[in-house]
């Protein structure tokens, strides 16, 4: 990876810095398994202790589960999410094509022309990915909030894994995997035509790159409409990572979010199980609000 200092744990030549950072990450990830949710009493006016609890968890693992009092007024709820994001220094949201009021996207079963056929708007399982993996480099997603408005009657469980842990597993298996996945042409999402006729250009870039002290990951486990660099080590690395995510890692967090609950994160790896199968009919009550940012959560 370019731009990495010799003191960085991401310098493959610096075994000592990596070992120290690795131990800290594994310890923090283990602690997070039993940490539960940070309770936020008033989302419009987060207490300093609540903010620090979120920031501390995101510094340690890039992920913080939270709970707020369920809110039935949609306008208030959207305002709450934006207020919390502002308090956490996430800046202005990404201008997503499906955004609604306050630039928040409602993830629910939908037949709208702009959403039909896209798995996030269906009841199907959503495979492992980081958000915005298809975005152009100047529109990198570095953080997002996922908030439960209404949970599914059955299923709809999220798993989430700190990208740093994925990096550790790959590097421990073979440091060459990191080199391969850091290549500037490691992963290509081909160009595609949107419903409105516009063309989304091909997205070409690495899986891993470093910005200052932060590891940024761009990944999807999809097997269609994706091109991996034609290199033996890249293929081995992709297979290893896919198997890791399928088999499960001891430090994966898992939660079926309830109304008022959510997750702040620095665009960690995540998935979603299928929900509300045919036995409950054609409708699903599940609604998740998502708001994405080009910034990480501040000071994390």
Foldseek 3Di string as FASTA:
>chain_A
DPPDDPLALLPLVDPPSVVVLVVQQVVLLVVVQPPDAQEAEQLLDGDPVSLVVQLVNCVRFQKHKHFYPFDDPVVVVLVSVVNNCVVLVQPQFDQDPQADPSRKHKQEQDDPQQCPPPVSNHLAKFFKWFPPLFPAPVQDFFKKKKAWNAFWPWFWKKKFGRVVVLVVVLVVVPVVLVVQQQPQQFKKQQWDAGSVRDIRHIHGGGQWDDDDNDIHGGDDLDDPRMDGPPDVSSVVSNVVSNVDVVVDDPSMHMDRDHRRMMMIGRRTIMITHGGDDPVNPDGIPTIMMMTTGPDRRPPD
